[in-house]
């Protein structure tokens, strides 16, 4: 994650939490992330993982894409590849590129690179605010949705069902690259 995006995420999390009238303790209770960790993230002393950001965004009532969009807000209609915000999970190497010129809009697209062997779990609340479709561009993705595992190969596309705890897993020895398309739930 770039220093600028890291700083912007810290400020955004603090602002969204305060705008919703939540104390650090209340957000900790809603998200399952410790109050101390939330404080460290908001102060820019810790880089959050993808899983932590998913839990915090869900507890704030927004998708992970919207959280990152708030940090990169500018309302454009065209975004060149070199301008697209990229975030890398410091723990797993999971890399997320926001492809949407206007994040938080009617539809968002995110490209993800999942290194071999990596697992990224998200709680159900992460999926409560948007419909998700996953399209595998290269490699293999084992996507667990509740108690169902979907093994997806190149070109396969999965539309997620009702919000459930999910896990993205790359069971192979090759990089997995996939696109996530999101639309707000009505």
N, C-alpha and C. Protein backbone atom coordinates (compact mmCIF):
# COMPACT_ATOMS: atom_id res chain seq x y z
N UNK A 1 0.86 -1.17 0.00
CA UNK A 1 0.00 0.00 0.00
C UNK A 1 0.90 1.22 0.00
N UNK A 2 0.56 2.19 -0.80
CA UNK A 2 1.35 3.40 -0.81
C UNK A 2 1.15 4.14 0.50
N UNK A 3 2.15 4.97 0.87
CA UNK A 3 2.04 5.75 2.10
C UNK A 3 0.84 6.68 2.05
N UNK A 4 0.60 7.28 0.84
CA UNK A 4 -0.53 8.20 0.69
C UNK A 4 -1.85 7.49 0.92
N UNK A 5 -2.03 6.30 0.32
CA UNK A 5 -3.28 5.56 0.50
C UNK A 5 -3.40 5.09 1.94
N UNK A 6 -2.30 4.67 2.56
CA UNK A 6 -2.34 4.24 3.96
C UNK A 6 -2.79 5.36 4.87
N UNK A 7 -2.25 6.56 4.66
CA UNK A 7 -2.64 7.73 5.45
C UNK A 7 -4.10 8.08 5.18
N UNK A 8 -4.51 8.03 3.90
CA UNK A 8 -5.89 8.35 3.55
C UNK A 8 -6.86 7.34 4.16
N UNK A 9 -6.49 6.06 4.19
CA UNK A 9 -7.35 5.03 4.81
C UNK A 9 -7.49 5.28 6.31
N UNK A 10 -6.40 5.65 6.97
CA UNK A 10 -6.44 5.93 8.41
C UNK A 10 -7.42 7.07 8.70
N UNK A 11 -7.29 8.15 7.94
CA UNK A 11 -8.17 9.31 8.12
C UNK A 11 -9.61 8.94 7.79
N UNK A 12 -9.81 8.18 6.71
CA UNK A 12 -11.16 7.79 6.29
C UNK A 12 -11.84 6.93 7.34
N UNK A 13 -11.13 5.95 7.88
CA UNK A 13 -11.72 5.10 8.91
C UNK A 13 -12.14 5.92 10.12
N UNK A 14 -11.27 6.79 10.57
CA UNK A 14 -11.58 7.63 11.73
C UNK A 14 -12.80 8.52 11.43
N UNK A 15 -12.82 9.13 10.23
CA UNK A 15 -13.91 10.02 9.85
C UNK A 15 -15.23 9.27 9.76
N UNK A 16 -15.23 8.12 9.08
CA UNK A 16 -16.47 7.33 8.94
C UNK A 16 -16.97 6.86 10.30
N UNK A 17 -16.07 6.43 11.16
CA UNK A 17 -16.47 5.98 12.50
C UNK A 17 -17.13 7.12 13.26
N UNK A 18 -16.50 8.28 13.24
CA UNK A 18 -17.05 9.45 13.96
C UNK A 18 -18.36 9.93 13.34
N UNK A 19 -18.43 9.94 11.99
CA UNK A 19 -19.66 10.37 11.31
C UNK A 19 -20.85 9.48 11.68
N UNK A 20 -20.58 8.23 12.01
CA UNK A 20 -21.64 7.30 12.39
C UNK A 20 -21.88 7.31 13.89
N UNK A 21 -21.20 8.20 14.60
CA UNK A 21 -21.39 8.33 16.04
C UNK A 21 -20.86 7.14 16.83
N UNK A 22 -19.85 6.47 16.30
CA UNK A 22 -19.32 5.29 16.96
C UNK A 22 -18.02 5.60 17.70
N UNK A 23 -17.91 5.10 18.89
CA UNK A 23 -16.64 5.16 19.60
C UNK A 23 -15.74 4.05 19.07
N UNK A 24 -14.47 4.11 19.42
CA UNK A 24 -13.57 3.02 19.05
C UNK A 24 -14.05 1.69 19.62
N UNK A 25 -14.57 1.73 20.83
CA UNK A 25 -15.08 0.52 21.48
C UNK A 25 -16.30 -0.05 20.77
N UNK A 26 -17.21 0.84 20.32
CA UNK A 26 -18.41 0.39 19.62
C UNK A 26 -18.05 -0.25 18.28
N UNK A 27 -17.09 0.36 17.57
CA UNK A 27 -16.66 -0.22 16.30
C UNK A 27 -15.96 -1.56 16.54
N UNK A 28 -15.20 -1.64 17.62
CA UNK A 28 -14.52 -2.90 17.97
C UNK A 28 -15.56 -3.99 18.21
N UNK A 29 -16.61 -3.65 18.94
CA UNK A 29 -17.65 -4.63 19.24
C UNK A 29 -18.37 -5.09 17.98
N UNK A 30 -18.68 -4.16 17.09
CA UNK A 30 -19.39 -4.49 15.85
C UNK A 30 -18.53 -5.31 14.89
N UNK A 31 -17.23 -5.01 14.85
CA UNK A 31 -16.35 -5.61 13.84
C UNK A 31 -15.59 -6.84 14.32
N UNK A 32 -15.43 -6.96 15.63
CA UNK A 32 -14.60 -8.05 16.16
C UNK A 32 -13.12 -7.73 16.06
N UNK A 33 -12.78 -6.48 15.74
CA UNK A 33 -11.39 -6.02 15.70
C UNK A 33 -11.14 -5.28 17.01
N UNK A 34 -10.02 -5.56 17.65
CA UNK A 34 -9.77 -4.95 18.96
C UNK A 34 -9.72 -3.42 18.88
N UNK A 35 -10.12 -2.82 19.97
CA UNK A 35 -10.10 -1.35 20.05
C UNK A 35 -8.68 -0.83 19.85
N UNK A 36 -7.70 -1.54 20.42
CA UNK A 36 -6.30 -1.13 20.28
C UNK A 36 -5.87 -1.15 18.82
N UNK A 37 -6.26 -2.19 18.08
CA UNK A 37 -5.88 -2.28 16.67
C UNK A 37 -6.56 -1.17 15.86
N UNK A 38 -7.82 -0.90 16.15
CA UNK A 38 -8.52 0.19 15.45
C UNK A 38 -7.78 1.51 15.69
N UNK A 39 -7.39 1.75 16.91
CA UNK A 39 -6.65 2.97 17.24
C UNK A 39 -5.32 3.02 16.48
N UNK A 40 -4.61 1.90 16.43
CA UNK A 40 -3.32 1.86 15.71
C UNK A 40 -3.51 2.13 14.22
N UNK A 41 -4.59 1.56 13.64
CA UNK A 41 -4.87 1.78 12.21
C UNK A 41 -5.21 3.25 11.97
N UNK A 42 -6.11 3.80 12.80
CA UNK A 42 -6.55 5.18 12.63
C UNK A 42 -5.41 6.18 12.84
N UNK A 43 -4.43 5.82 13.64
CA UNK A 43 -3.28 6.69 13.88
C UNK A 43 -2.16 6.47 12.87
N UNK A 44 -2.37 5.51 11.96
CA UNK A 44 -1.37 5.23 10.94
C UNK A 44 -0.18 4.43 11.47
N UNK A 45 -0.33 3.81 12.64
CA UNK A 45 0.74 3.02 13.24
C UNK A 45 0.74 1.57 12.80
N UNK A 46 -0.35 1.12 12.13
CA UNK A 46 -0.45 -0.27 11.68
C UNK A 46 -1.10 -0.30 10.30
N UNK A 47 -0.63 -1.19 9.44
CA UNK A 47 -1.25 -1.40 8.14
C UNK A 47 -2.26 -2.53 8.29
N UNK A 48 -3.53 -2.26 8.03
CA UNK A 48 -4.55 -3.30 8.17
C UNK A 48 -4.45 -4.34 7.06
N UNK A 49 -4.83 -5.57 7.38
CA UNK A 49 -4.90 -6.62 6.38
C UNK A 49 -6.21 -6.51 5.62
N UNK A 50 -6.34 -7.26 4.55
CA UNK A 50 -7.58 -7.27 3.77
C UNK A 50 -8.74 -7.75 4.63
N UNK A 51 -8.49 -8.78 5.43
CA UNK A 51 -9.55 -9.32 6.29
C UNK A 51 -10.00 -8.28 7.32
N UNK A 52 -9.06 -7.57 7.93
CA UNK A 52 -9.41 -6.53 8.91
C UNK A 52 -10.21 -5.41 8.25
N UNK A 53 -9.76 -4.97 7.06
CA UNK A 53 -10.50 -3.91 6.36
C UNK A 53 -11.91 -4.37 6.01
N UNK A 54 -12.05 -5.64 5.62
CA UNK A 54 -13.38 -6.18 5.32
C UNK A 54 -14.28 -6.16 6.54
N UNK A 55 -13.74 -6.53 7.69
CA UNK A 55 -14.53 -6.53 8.94
C UNK A 55 -14.91 -5.11 9.35
N UNK A 56 -13.95 -4.17 9.22
CA UNK A 56 -14.23 -2.79 9.60
C UNK A 56 -15.23 -2.14 8.65
N UNK A 57 -15.08 -2.36 7.34
CA UNK A 57 -16.01 -1.76 6.39
C UNK A 57 -17.42 -2.30 6.61
N UNK A 58 -17.54 -3.62 6.83
CA UNK A 58 -18.86 -4.20 7.10
C UNK A 58 -19.49 -3.61 8.33
N UNK A 59 -18.70 -3.41 9.38
CA UNK A 59 -19.21 -2.83 10.63
C UNK A 59 -19.62 -1.38 10.45
N UNK A 60 -19.00 -0.70 9.47
CA UNK A 60 -19.35 0.68 9.17
C UNK A 60 -20.53 0.78 8.19
N UNK A 61 -20.97 -0.36 7.67
CA UNK A 61 -22.13 -0.38 6.77
C UNK A 61 -21.80 -0.08 5.32
N UNK A 62 -20.55 -0.32 4.92
CA UNK A 62 -20.15 -0.10 3.54
C UNK A 62 -19.30 -1.27 3.06
N UNK A 63 -19.15 -1.37 1.74
CA UNK A 63 -18.29 -2.42 1.18
C UNK A 63 -16.83 -2.01 1.29
N UNK A 64 -15.94 -2.97 1.15
CA UNK A 64 -14.51 -2.69 1.16
C UNK A 64 -14.16 -1.72 0.02
N UNK A 65 -14.79 -1.90 -1.13
CA UNK A 65 -14.54 -0.99 -2.27
C UNK A 65 -14.93 0.44 -1.91
N UNK A 66 -16.05 0.59 -1.22
CA UNK A 66 -16.48 1.94 -0.84
C UNK A 66 -15.52 2.56 0.17
N UNK A 67 -15.02 1.74 1.09
CA UNK A 67 -14.06 2.25 2.07
C UNK A 67 -12.83 2.81 1.35
N UNK A 68 -12.29 2.03 0.43
CA UNK A 68 -11.11 2.49 -0.30
C UNK A 68 -11.47 3.67 -1.20
N UNK A 69 -12.68 3.66 -1.75
CA UNK A 69 -13.13 4.78 -2.60
C UNK A 69 -13.19 6.07 -1.80
N UNK A 70 -13.67 6.01 -0.56
CA UNK A 70 -13.71 7.20 0.28
C UNK A 70 -12.30 7.77 0.46
N UNK A 71 -11.33 6.89 0.56
CA UNK A 71 -9.94 7.33 0.73
C UNK A 71 -9.38 7.94 -0.55
N UNK A 72 -9.96 7.58 -1.71
CA UNK A 72 -9.45 8.04 -3.01
C UNK A 72 -10.46 8.90 -3.76
N UNK A 73 -11.43 9.48 -3.09
CA UNK A 73 -12.57 10.18 -3.70
C UNK A 73 -12.14 11.28 -4.66
N UNK A 74 -12.68 11.27 -5.87
CA UNK A 74 -12.47 12.40 -6.78
C UNK A 74 -13.51 12.51 -7.89
N UNK A 75 -14.46 11.56 -8.03
CA UNK A 75 -15.59 11.68 -8.95
C UNK A 75 -15.27 11.66 -10.43
N UNK A 76 -14.23 10.99 -10.85
CA UNK A 76 -13.87 10.93 -12.28
C UNK A 76 -14.73 9.93 -13.03
N UNK A 77 -14.74 10.06 -14.38
CA UNK A 77 -15.40 9.08 -15.24
C UNK A 77 -14.40 8.20 -15.96
N UNK A 78 -13.15 8.62 -16.03
CA UNK A 78 -12.09 7.86 -16.67
C UNK A 78 -10.92 7.77 -15.71
N UNK A 79 -10.41 6.57 -15.54
CA UNK A 79 -9.23 6.40 -14.71
C UNK A 79 -8.24 5.52 -15.46
N UNK A 80 -7.08 6.06 -15.71
CA UNK A 80 -6.04 5.35 -16.43
C UNK A 80 -5.40 4.32 -15.50
N UNK A 81 -4.85 3.26 -16.08
CA UNK A 81 -4.26 2.19 -15.29
C UNK A 81 -3.29 2.71 -14.23
N UNK A 82 -2.42 3.64 -14.62
CA UNK A 82 -1.42 4.14 -13.68
C UNK A 82 -2.04 4.99 -12.55
N UNK A 83 -3.31 5.37 -12.70
CA UNK A 83 -3.99 6.17 -11.67
C UNK A 83 -4.85 5.31 -10.74
N UNK A 84 -5.05 4.05 -11.09
CA UNK A 84 -5.93 3.18 -10.31
C UNK A 84 -5.29 2.84 -8.97
N UNK A 85 -6.02 3.05 -7.88
CA UNK A 85 -5.45 2.75 -6.56
C UNK A 85 -5.18 1.26 -6.40
N UNK A 86 -3.99 0.94 -5.94
CA UNK A 86 -3.59 -0.44 -5.69
C UNK A 86 -3.27 -0.56 -4.20
N UNK A 87 -3.78 -1.59 -3.59
CA UNK A 87 -3.51 -1.85 -2.18
C UNK A 87 -3.04 -3.29 -2.04
N UNK A 88 -1.97 -3.49 -1.28
CA UNK A 88 -1.43 -4.82 -1.04
C UNK A 88 -1.52 -5.15 0.43
N UNK A 89 -2.12 -6.29 0.75
CA UNK A 89 -2.24 -6.76 2.12
C UNK A 89 -0.84 -7.07 2.63
N UNK A 90 -0.41 -6.41 3.71
CA UNK A 90 0.96 -6.61 4.19
C UNK A 90 1.20 -8.02 4.74
N UNK A 91 0.15 -8.72 5.08
CA UNK A 91 0.28 -10.05 5.67
C UNK A 91 0.34 -11.17 4.63
N UNK A 92 -0.50 -11.06 3.58
CA UNK A 92 -0.65 -12.17 2.63
C UNK A 92 -0.11 -11.89 1.24
N UNK A 93 0.11 -10.62 0.91
CA UNK A 93 0.52 -10.28 -0.45
C UNK A 93 -0.65 -10.14 -1.41
N UNK A 94 -1.88 -10.36 -0.91
CA UNK A 94 -3.10 -10.13 -1.70
C UNK A 94 -3.03 -8.71 -2.23
N UNK A 95 -3.26 -8.57 -3.54
CA UNK A 95 -3.14 -7.25 -4.17
C UNK A 95 -4.45 -6.88 -4.83
N UNK A 96 -4.96 -5.70 -4.54
CA UNK A 96 -6.27 -5.25 -4.99
C UNK A 96 -6.12 -3.96 -5.77
N UNK A 97 -6.64 -3.95 -7.01
CA UNK A 97 -6.61 -2.76 -7.86
C UNK A 97 -8.05 -2.32 -8.10
N UNK A 98 -8.36 -1.09 -7.73
CA UNK A 98 -9.70 -0.54 -7.96
C UNK A 98 -9.76 -0.01 -9.38
N UNK A 99 -10.59 -0.64 -10.23
CA UNK A 99 -10.69 -0.28 -11.64
C UNK A 99 -11.74 0.78 -11.92
N UNK A 100 -12.54 1.12 -10.93
CA UNK A 100 -13.69 1.99 -11.13
C UNK A 100 -13.30 3.47 -11.14
N UNK A 101 -13.69 4.18 -12.19
CA UNK A 101 -13.39 5.62 -12.23
C UNK A 101 -14.12 6.39 -11.13
N UNK A 102 -15.31 5.91 -10.78
CA UNK A 102 -16.12 6.58 -9.77
C UNK A 102 -16.52 5.57 -8.69
N UNK A 103 -15.59 5.20 -7.81
CA UNK A 103 -15.90 4.22 -6.77
C UNK A 103 -17.08 4.67 -5.92
N UNK A 104 -17.84 3.69 -5.48
CA UNK A 104 -19.02 3.98 -4.68
C UNK A 104 -20.24 4.24 -5.54
N UNK A 105 -20.09 4.15 -6.88
CA UNK A 105 -21.19 4.39 -7.79
C UNK A 105 -22.08 3.16 -7.92
N UNK A 106 -22.87 3.13 -8.98
CA UNK A 106 -23.82 2.03 -9.19
C UNK A 106 -23.13 0.69 -9.37
N UNK A 107 -21.95 0.69 -9.99
CA UNK A 107 -21.21 -0.55 -10.18
C UNK A 107 -19.73 -0.27 -9.94
N UNK A 108 -19.08 -1.23 -9.31
CA UNK A 108 -17.65 -1.12 -9.08
C UNK A 108 -16.97 -2.38 -9.58
N UNK A 109 -15.73 -2.23 -10.04
CA UNK A 109 -14.95 -3.38 -10.48
C UNK A 109 -13.60 -3.34 -9.78
N UNK A 110 -13.17 -4.51 -9.33
CA UNK A 110 -11.91 -4.64 -8.62
C UNK A 110 -11.17 -5.84 -9.20
N UNK A 111 -9.88 -5.65 -9.50
CA UNK A 111 -9.03 -6.75 -9.94
C UNK A 111 -8.20 -7.18 -8.74
N UNK A 112 -8.14 -8.49 -8.51
CA UNK A 112 -7.40 -9.02 -7.36
C UNK A 112 -6.37 -10.03 -7.84
N UNK A 113 -5.19 -9.96 -7.25
CA UNK A 113 -4.15 -10.97 -7.45
C UNK A 113 -3.96 -11.67 -6.12
N UNK A 114 -4.20 -12.98 -6.12
CA UNK A 114 -4.11 -13.79 -4.90
C UNK A 114 -2.93 -14.75 -5.05
N UNK A 115 -1.88 -14.55 -4.24
CA UNK A 115 -0.70 -15.41 -4.35
C UNK A 115 -1.02 -16.88 -4.03
N UNK A 116 -0.18 -17.79 -4.48
CA UNK A 116 -0.37 -19.22 -4.21
C UNK A 116 -0.49 -19.52 -2.72
N UNK A 117 -1.46 -20.36 -2.39
CA UNK A 117 -1.64 -20.81 -1.02
C UNK A 117 -2.34 -19.84 -0.08
N UNK A 118 -2.59 -18.62 -0.50
CA UNK A 118 -3.16 -17.60 0.37
C UNK A 118 -4.65 -17.80 0.57
N UNK A 119 -5.10 -17.55 1.80
CA UNK A 119 -6.53 -17.57 2.16
C UNK A 119 -6.89 -16.20 2.73
N UNK A 120 -8.01 -15.65 2.27
CA UNK A 120 -8.49 -14.37 2.79
C UNK A 120 -9.96 -14.54 3.17
N UNK A 121 -10.24 -14.64 4.49
CA UNK A 121 -11.62 -14.79 4.95
C UNK A 121 -12.30 -13.44 5.19
N UNK A 122 -13.61 -13.41 4.97
CA UNK A 122 -14.41 -12.22 5.25
C UNK A 122 -15.70 -12.66 5.96
N UNK A 123 -16.17 -11.87 6.94
CA UNK A 123 -17.43 -12.19 7.59
C UNK A 123 -18.62 -11.85 6.67
N UNK A 124 -19.77 -12.39 6.98
CA UNK A 124 -20.97 -12.18 6.17
C UNK A 124 -21.29 -10.70 5.99
N UNK A 125 -21.05 -9.89 7.02
CA UNK A 125 -21.41 -8.47 6.93
C UNK A 125 -20.67 -7.75 5.80
N UNK A 126 -19.54 -8.28 5.37
CA UNK A 126 -18.79 -7.69 4.26
C UNK A 126 -19.60 -7.75 2.97
N UNK A 127 -20.48 -8.73 2.85
CA UNK A 127 -21.25 -8.95 1.62
C UNK A 127 -22.69 -8.45 1.72
N UNK A 128 -23.02 -7.78 2.82
CA UNK A 128 -24.40 -7.37 3.07
C UNK A 128 -24.84 -6.16 2.24
N UNK A 129 -23.91 -5.39 1.72
CA UNK A 129 -24.27 -4.13 1.09
C UNK A 129 -24.18 -4.11 -0.43
N UNK A 130 -23.62 -5.18 -0.99
CA UNK A 130 -23.46 -5.21 -2.45
C UNK A 130 -23.58 -6.62 -2.98
N UNK A 131 -24.12 -6.73 -4.20
CA UNK A 131 -24.14 -8.00 -4.93
C UNK A 131 -22.73 -8.18 -5.50
N UNK A 132 -22.22 -9.40 -5.47
CA UNK A 132 -20.86 -9.67 -5.95
C UNK A 132 -20.89 -10.72 -7.06
N UNK A 133 -20.08 -10.50 -8.08
CA UNK A 133 -19.80 -11.52 -9.08
C UNK A 133 -18.28 -11.62 -9.18
N UNK A 134 -17.81 -12.85 -9.25
CA UNK A 134 -16.38 -13.11 -9.34
C UNK A 134 -16.11 -13.78 -10.68
N UNK A 135 -15.17 -13.23 -11.44
CA UNK A 135 -14.78 -13.79 -12.73
C UNK A 135 -13.29 -14.07 -12.68
N UNK A 136 -12.91 -15.34 -12.81
CA UNK A 136 -11.51 -15.73 -12.73
C UNK A 136 -10.83 -15.46 -14.08
N UNK A 137 -9.78 -14.64 -14.04
CA UNK A 137 -9.04 -14.26 -15.25
C UNK A 137 -7.90 -15.23 -15.52
N UNK A 138 -7.24 -15.69 -14.46
CA UNK A 138 -6.18 -16.69 -14.62
C UNK A 138 -5.99 -17.42 -13.31
N UNK A 139 -5.59 -18.68 -13.41
CA UNK A 139 -5.34 -19.49 -12.22
C UNK A 139 -6.59 -20.19 -11.73
N UNK A 140 -6.54 -20.58 -10.46
CA UNK A 140 -7.64 -21.32 -9.82
C UNK A 140 -8.01 -20.61 -8.52
N UNK A 141 -9.31 -20.51 -8.28
CA UNK A 141 -9.81 -19.90 -7.05
C UNK A 141 -10.77 -20.86 -6.38
N UNK A 142 -10.50 -21.19 -5.13
CA UNK A 142 -11.44 -21.96 -4.31
C UNK A 142 -12.17 -20.93 -3.46
N UNK A 143 -13.43 -20.72 -3.76
CA UNK A 143 -14.22 -19.71 -3.05
C UNK A 143 -15.24 -20.42 -2.16
N UNK A 144 -15.13 -20.21 -0.86
CA UNK A 144 -16.05 -20.82 0.08
C UNK A 144 -17.10 -19.78 0.46
N UNK A 145 -18.35 -20.15 0.26
CA UNK A 145 -19.49 -19.27 0.53
C UNK A 145 -20.37 -20.00 1.54
N UNK A 146 -20.30 -19.57 2.80
CA UNK A 146 -21.00 -20.33 3.84
C UNK A 146 -20.34 -21.69 3.97
N UNK A 147 -21.11 -22.74 3.71
CA UNK A 147 -20.56 -24.10 3.78
C UNK A 147 -20.30 -24.71 2.40
N UNK A 148 -20.51 -23.92 1.36
CA UNK A 148 -20.32 -24.41 -0.01
C UNK A 148 -19.01 -23.90 -0.59
N UNK A 149 -18.22 -24.83 -1.14
CA UNK A 149 -16.98 -24.42 -1.81
C UNK A 149 -17.18 -24.51 -3.32
N UNK A 150 -16.80 -23.44 -4.00
CA UNK A 150 -16.85 -23.39 -5.46
C UNK A 150 -15.41 -23.38 -5.95
N UNK A 151 -15.04 -24.33 -6.78
CA UNK A 151 -13.71 -24.36 -7.37
C UNK A 151 -13.83 -23.74 -8.76
N UNK A 152 -13.21 -22.59 -8.94
CA UNK A 152 -13.35 -21.82 -10.17
C UNK A 152 -12.04 -21.80 -10.94
N UNK A 153 -12.13 -22.01 -12.25
CA UNK A 153 -10.97 -21.94 -13.13
C UNK A 153 -11.07 -20.74 -14.04
N UNK A 154 -10.09 -20.58 -14.90
CA UNK A 154 -10.05 -19.45 -15.82
C UNK A 154 -11.34 -19.36 -16.63
N UNK A 155 -11.93 -18.16 -16.64
CA UNK A 155 -13.15 -17.91 -17.39
C UNK A 155 -14.43 -18.18 -16.62
N UNK A 156 -14.34 -18.88 -15.47
CA UNK A 156 -15.54 -19.17 -14.68
C UNK A 156 -16.00 -17.90 -13.97
N UNK A 157 -17.33 -17.77 -13.85
CA UNK A 157 -17.93 -16.61 -13.20
C UNK A 157 -18.95 -17.09 -12.18
N UNK A 158 -18.88 -16.57 -10.97
CA UNK A 158 -19.79 -16.94 -9.88
C UNK A 158 -20.51 -15.72 -9.37
N UNK A 159 -21.83 -15.81 -9.28
CA UNK A 159 -22.62 -14.76 -8.63
C UNK A 159 -22.89 -15.23 -7.20
N UNK A 160 -22.53 -14.44 -6.23
CA UNK A 160 -22.72 -14.82 -4.84
C UNK A 160 -24.20 -14.78 -4.47
N UNK A 161 -24.56 -15.66 -3.56
CA UNK A 161 -25.93 -15.70 -3.06
C UNK A 161 -26.12 -14.74 -1.90
N UNK A 162 -26.99 -15.12 -0.98
CA UNK A 162 -27.26 -14.30 0.20
C UNK A 162 -25.97 -14.12 1.00
N UNK A 163 -25.82 -12.98 1.69
CA UNK A 163 -24.60 -12.75 2.45
C UNK A 163 -24.28 -13.90 3.41
N UNK A 164 -23.04 -14.36 3.35
CA UNK A 164 -22.56 -15.43 4.21
C UNK A 164 -21.07 -15.21 4.43
N UNK A 165 -20.53 -15.80 5.47
CA UNK A 165 -19.08 -15.75 5.66
C UNK A 165 -18.44 -16.43 4.45
N UNK A 166 -17.40 -15.82 3.93
CA UNK A 166 -16.76 -16.32 2.72
C UNK A 166 -15.25 -16.33 2.87
N UNK A 167 -14.61 -17.13 2.02
CA UNK A 167 -13.15 -17.16 2.00
C UNK A 167 -12.67 -17.33 0.57
N UNK A 168 -11.72 -16.48 0.19
CA UNK A 168 -11.03 -16.60 -1.08
C UNK A 168 -9.77 -17.41 -0.80
N UNK A 169 -9.50 -18.45 -1.61
CA UNK A 169 -8.32 -19.28 -1.39
C UNK A 169 -7.72 -19.67 -2.73
N UNK A 170 -6.42 -19.50 -2.85
CA UNK A 170 -5.71 -19.94 -4.04
C UNK A 170 -5.02 -21.25 -3.68
N UNK A 171 -5.61 -22.40 -4.09
CA UNK A 171 -5.04 -23.69 -3.71
C UNK A 171 -3.88 -24.14 -4.60
N UNK A 172 -3.55 -23.35 -5.60
CA UNK A 172 -2.56 -23.78 -6.58
C UNK A 172 -1.17 -23.20 -6.28
N UNK A 173 -0.22 -23.53 -7.14
CA UNK A 173 1.14 -23.02 -7.01
C UNK A 173 1.37 -21.82 -7.94
N UNK A 174 0.30 -21.38 -8.62
CA UNK A 174 0.35 -20.22 -9.53
C UNK A 174 -0.47 -19.07 -8.96
N UNK A 175 -0.16 -17.88 -9.38
CA UNK A 175 -0.94 -16.70 -9.03
C UNK A 175 -2.37 -16.87 -9.54
N UNK A 176 -3.35 -16.43 -8.77
CA UNK A 176 -4.74 -16.39 -9.21
C UNK A 176 -5.11 -14.91 -9.37
N UNK A 177 -5.69 -14.59 -10.52
CA UNK A 177 -6.13 -13.23 -10.79
C UNK A 177 -7.60 -13.28 -11.14
N UNK A 178 -8.39 -12.44 -10.46
CA UNK A 178 -9.83 -12.44 -10.72
C UNK A 178 -10.40 -11.03 -10.62
N UNK A 179 -11.55 -10.87 -11.22
CA UNK A 179 -12.28 -9.60 -11.22
C UNK A 179 -13.50 -9.76 -10.32
N UNK A 180 -13.76 -8.77 -9.49
CA UNK A 180 -14.97 -8.73 -8.68
C UNK A 180 -15.78 -7.54 -9.16
N UNK A 181 -17.03 -7.78 -9.55
CA UNK A 181 -17.96 -6.72 -9.94
C UNK A 181 -18.99 -6.60 -8.83
N UNK A 182 -19.23 -5.37 -8.37
CA UNK A 182 -20.14 -5.14 -7.27
C UNK A 182 -21.20 -4.12 -7.64
N UNK A 183 -22.44 -4.39 -7.25
CA UNK A 183 -23.51 -3.40 -7.36
C UNK A 183 -24.19 -3.32 -6.00
N UNK A 184 -24.63 -2.13 -5.64
CA UNK A 184 -25.29 -1.93 -4.35
C UNK A 184 -26.56 -2.74 -4.27
N UNK A 185 -26.82 -3.30 -3.11
CA UNK A 185 -28.10 -3.98 -2.87
C UNK A 185 -29.17 -2.91 -2.73
N UNK A 186 -30.31 -3.16 -3.36
CA UNK A 186 -31.40 -2.18 -3.36
C UNK A 186 -32.18 -2.22 -2.16
